[in-house]
Amino acid sequence: RITVLRRSGQFGRGSGTLADCPVRGPDQGLFIGPCLIVDGAFATVGRRAHFSFFGGYMAAYSPKLQALLAPVVESMGYELVGVEHHGGGRNALVRIYIDSNEGVNVDDCAAVSHQVGGVMDVEEPVVGNYTLEVSSPGLDRPLFVPAHFERFRGHRVRLKLLTPLSGGSRKVTGEIRSVGEHGIELDAEDGAVDVSFQQIDSARLVPEF
């Protein structure tokens, strides 16, 4: 997975400069290893920054930011997989996942970061300073909306739940058997499991090798 980060109002422009990354996330964790500064954005190569998240992908999914940024990203030839908005104040994080038929590299993420950052600066949909993260979805692709589950019907997913299943577990892995208006049915290890969309805190594909 490739990730590019940009902090609002803090960076000038760079151009492919290799440097260390003394950048702290909301949990005060530091980036590990070298990074590339591309057009004023930090791009971690081969590793993700470690953040503590405020809720899961569906809980943090932002339809408002999705609607604002989709035209920008799609006009550049990319799919806007989803937009998350975590936290607030100085810990605010806006995470954008992009994809394309040819895949996504550091230059793609940097280009989208530059364009989206400009729109965010003008429209100001997030109050105060924030970190803008643009990332490829990776092999463990996040699923945000019912259409995503329908698209990957027959694939295995790993869910984290807001409320436990009857057995007490908040985690379940299984193949997407069907997708309905209010939830999905999984073929899990212990048999069929019905999960409502309201229960899902986060959902990711299980990589297939």
Protein backbone atom coordinates (compact mmCIF):
# COMPACT_ATOMS: atom_id res chain seq x y z
CA ARG A 1 0.00 0.00 0.00
CA ILE A 2 1.24 3.50 -0.88
CA THR A 3 0.36 6.45 1.35
CA VAL A 4 0.91 10.19 0.97
CA LEU A 5 0.23 12.64 3.82
CA ARG A 6 -0.15 16.41 3.82
CA ARG A 7 -0.74 18.62 6.84
CA SER A 8 -2.95 21.63 6.21
CA GLY A 9 -1.05 24.91 6.11
CA GLN A 10 2.29 23.45 7.24
CA PHE A 11 4.30 22.38 4.20
CA GLY A 12 5.86 24.23 1.34
CA ARG A 13 6.45 22.41 -1.90
CA GLY A 14 9.11 19.77 -2.38
CA SER A 15 10.07 17.75 -5.41
CA GLY A 16 11.06 14.15 -4.87
CA THR A 17 13.29 14.87 -1.87
CA LEU A 18 14.32 11.83 0.19
CA ALA A 19 14.23 12.58 3.91
CA ASP A 20 13.49 11.23 7.35
CA CYS A 21 9.91 11.47 8.59
CA PRO A 22 9.70 12.97 12.10
CA VAL A 23 5.92 13.28 11.71
CA ARG A 24 3.63 12.36 14.58
CA GLY A 25 0.16 10.89 14.15
CA PRO A 26 -2.77 11.50 16.53
CA ASP A 27 -1.45 8.78 18.87
CA GLN A 28 1.98 10.51 18.93
CA GLY A 29 3.52 7.60 17.02
CA LEU A 30 6.39 8.40 14.66
CA PHE A 31 6.79 7.25 11.09
CA ILE A 32 9.42 4.56 10.69
CA GLY A 33 12.02 4.60 7.93
CA PRO A 34 12.63 6.96 4.99
CA CYS A 35 9.99 8.85 3.12
CA LEU A 36 9.73 10.86 -0.06
CA ILE A 37 8.61 14.49 -0.07
CA VAL A 38 6.61 14.92 -3.26
CA ASP A 39 5.00 18.31 -3.94
CA GLY A 40 5.04 19.14 -0.26
CA ALA A 41 3.50 15.83 0.86
CA PHE A 42 5.12 13.02 2.81
CA ALA A 43 4.95 9.64 1.07
CA THR A 44 5.77 6.59 3.15
CA VAL A 45 7.24 3.89 0.96
CA GLY A 46 6.22 0.33 1.70
CA ARG A 47 4.88 1.03 5.20
CA ARG A 48 1.87 2.73 6.71
CA ALA A 49 2.03 5.31 9.45
CA HIS A 50 0.64 4.08 12.76
CA PHE A 51 -2.38 6.03 13.96
CA SER A 52 -4.98 5.35 16.62
CA PHE A 53 -8.35 5.56 14.91
CA PHE A 54 -11.59 7.03 16.21
CA GLY A 55 -14.11 4.42 15.08
CA GLY A 56 -13.93 2.15 12.07
CA TYR A 57 -14.12 2.66 8.36
CA MET A 58 -17.90 2.67 8.13
CA ALA A 59 -18.27 4.64 11.36
CA ALA A 60 -15.77 7.23 10.10
CA TYR A 61 -16.97 7.19 6.47
CA SER A 62 -17.89 10.73 5.39
CA PRO A 63 -20.56 10.99 2.66
CA LYS A 64 -20.18 14.79 2.78
CA LEU A 65 -16.47 14.70 1.95
CA GLN A 66 -17.05 11.87 -0.55
CA ALA A 67 -19.55 14.04 -2.45
CA LEU A 68 -17.22 17.06 -2.36
CA LEU A 69 -14.06 15.28 -3.47
CA ALA A 70 -15.37 12.60 -5.86
CA PRO A 71 -15.64 14.97 -8.86
CA VAL A 72 -12.05 16.13 -8.30
CA VAL A 73 -10.58 12.63 -7.99
CA GLU A 74 -12.66 11.13 -10.80
CA SER A 75 -11.75 13.98 -13.17
CA MET A 76 -8.13 12.90 -12.72
CA GLY A 77 -8.97 9.37 -13.84
CA TYR A 78 -9.09 7.66 -10.43
CA GLU A 79 -11.78 5.92 -8.44
CA LEU A 80 -12.50 7.50 -5.07
CA VAL A 81 -12.95 4.36 -3.01
CA GLY A 82 -13.89 6.19 0.18
CA VAL A 83 -13.19 9.11 2.50
CA GLU A 84 -12.82 8.86 6.26
CA HIS A 85 -12.85 11.70 8.77
CA HIS A 86 -11.35 10.88 12.16
CA GLY A 87 -11.09 12.98 15.27
CA GLY A 88 -11.14 16.73 15.60
CA GLY A 89 -9.00 19.72 16.52
CA ARG A 90 -5.27 19.18 16.01
CA ASN A 91 -5.82 15.41 15.79
CA ALA A 92 -8.17 15.57 12.79
CA LEU A 93 -7.36 13.13 10.01
CA VAL A 94 -8.95 12.95 6.56
CA ARG A 95 -8.05 9.71 4.84
CA ILE A 96 -8.78 9.21 1.13
CA TYR A 97 -8.49 5.90 -0.69
CA ILE A 98 -8.00 6.03 -4.45
CA ASP A 99 -7.65 3.32 -7.09
CA SER A 100 -7.42 2.85 -10.85
CA ASN A 101 -7.35 0.03 -13.37
CA GLU A 102 -3.57 0.44 -13.62
CA GLY A 103 -3.07 0.55 -9.86
CA VAL A 104 -1.79 3.47 -7.79
CA ASN A 105 1.77 4.64 -7.07
CA VAL A 106 3.39 7.43 -5.05
CA ASP A 107 3.10 9.94 -7.89
CA ASP A 108 -0.64 9.23 -8.20
CA CYS A 109 -1.19 9.78 -4.49
CA ALA A 110 0.88 12.97 -4.52
CA ALA A 111 -1.03 14.37 -7.49
CA VAL A 112 -4.38 13.68 -5.85
CA SER A 113 -3.12 15.08 -2.55
CA HIS A 114 -2.17 18.34 -4.29
CA GLN A 115 -5.52 18.73 -6.07
CA VAL A 116 -7.67 17.65 -3.13
CA GLY A 117 -5.64 19.82 -0.75
CA GLY A 118 -6.41 22.84 -2.91
CA VAL A 119 -10.13 22.11 -2.86
CA MET A 120 -10.05 21.54 0.90
CA ASP A 121 -8.25 24.85 1.42
CA VAL A 122 -10.91 26.72 -0.58
CA GLU A 123 -14.04 24.92 0.61
CA GLU A 124 -12.86 24.41 4.23
CA PRO A 125 -15.09 21.39 4.96
CA VAL A 126 -12.95 20.56 8.01
CA VAL A 127 -12.55 23.15 10.76
CA GLY A 128 -9.01 23.75 11.98
CA ASN A 129 -5.78 21.94 11.10
CA TYR A 130 -5.90 18.38 9.86
CA THR A 131 -3.76 15.73 8.21
CA LEU A 132 -4.78 14.74 4.69
CA GLU A 133 -3.79 11.17 3.85
CA VAL A 134 -4.13 9.79 0.32
CA SER A 135 -3.63 6.06 0.01
CA SER A 136 -4.11 3.14 -2.31
CA PRO A 137 -6.63 0.63 -0.89
CA GLY A 138 -4.10 -2.20 -0.65
CA LEU A 139 -4.82 -5.91 -0.85
CA ASP A 140 -6.98 -5.70 2.27
CA ARG A 141 -9.25 -3.19 0.57
CA PRO A 142 -11.73 -1.36 2.83
CA LEU A 143 -15.44 -1.65 2.08
CA PHE A 144 -17.57 1.37 2.92
CA VAL A 145 -21.01 1.14 1.34
CA PRO A 146 -23.42 -1.68 0.35
CA ALA A 147 -22.34 -1.43 -3.30
CA HIS A 148 -18.81 -2.40 -2.24
CA PHE A 149 -20.06 -5.60 -0.62
CA GLU A 150 -22.10 -6.40 -3.72
CA ARG A 151 -19.04 -5.80 -5.93
CA PHE A 152 -17.01 -8.29 -3.92
CA ARG A 153 -19.69 -10.91 -3.37
CA GLY A 154 -17.98 -14.31 -3.20
CA HIS A 155 -14.84 -12.83 -1.64
CA ARG A 156 -13.78 -13.23 1.97
CA VAL A 157 -14.05 -10.23 4.29
CA ARG A 158 -12.96 -9.48 7.84
CA LEU A 159 -15.44 -7.47 9.90
CA LYS A 160 -15.08 -5.64 13.19
CA LEU A 161 -18.45 -5.06 14.80
CA LEU A 162 -19.91 -2.39 17.03
CA THR A 163 -22.11 -4.94 18.78
CA PRO A 164 -21.16 -8.59 19.41
CA LEU A 165 -22.67 -11.58 17.68
CA SER A 166 -24.70 -14.12 19.65
CA GLY A 167 -21.48 -15.92 20.58
CA GLY A 168 -20.01 -12.74 22.06
CA SER A 169 -17.43 -12.02 19.35
CA ARG A 170 -17.00 -8.60 17.77
CA LYS A 171 -14.92 -10.01 14.90
CA VAL A 172 -16.03 -12.30 12.10
CA THR A 173 -14.45 -13.49 8.86
CA GLY A 174 -16.27 -15.17 6.04
CA GLU A 175 -17.24 -15.19 2.38
CA ILE A 176 -19.90 -12.71 1.29
CA ARG A 177 -22.83 -14.96 0.36
CA SER A 178 -25.51 -12.33 -0.23
CA VAL A 179 -26.09 -8.59 0.14
CA GLY A 180 -29.44 -7.14 1.13
CA GLU A 181 -30.91 -3.73 1.80
CA HIS A 182 -29.97 -3.77 5.47
CA GLY A 183 -27.01 -6.12 5.72
CA ILE A 184 -25.03 -9.08 4.45
CA GLU A 185 -24.89 -12.82 4.93
CA LEU A 186 -21.48 -14.39 5.43
CA ASP A 187 -20.41 -17.99 5.04
CA ALA A 188 -18.25 -18.08 8.17
CA GLU A 189 -16.36 -20.90 9.86
CA ASP A 190 -19.31 -21.72 12.12
CA GLY A 191 -21.90 -21.45 9.35
CA ALA A 192 -24.05 -18.67 7.92
CA VAL A 193 -23.94 -15.37 9.78
CA ASP A 194 -26.26 -12.40 9.18
CA VAL A 195 -24.71 -8.99 9.90
CA SER A 196 -26.55 -5.69 9.56
CA PHE A 197 -24.73 -2.69 8.12
CA GLN A 198 -25.48 -0.85 11.38
CA GLN A 199 -23.37 -3.42 13.25
CA ILE A 200 -20.26 -2.97 11.12
CA ASP A 201 -17.48 -0.81 12.51
CA SER A 202 -14.97 -1.72 9.80
CA ALA A 203 -14.82 -4.10 6.85
CA ARG A 204 -11.84 -5.22 4.79
CA LEU A 205 -11.20 -7.83 2.16
CA VAL A 206 -9.06 -10.78 3.18
CA PRO A 207 -6.10 -10.84 0.74
CA GLU A 208 -6.03 -13.82 -1.60
CA PHE A 209 -2.63 -15.15 -2.60
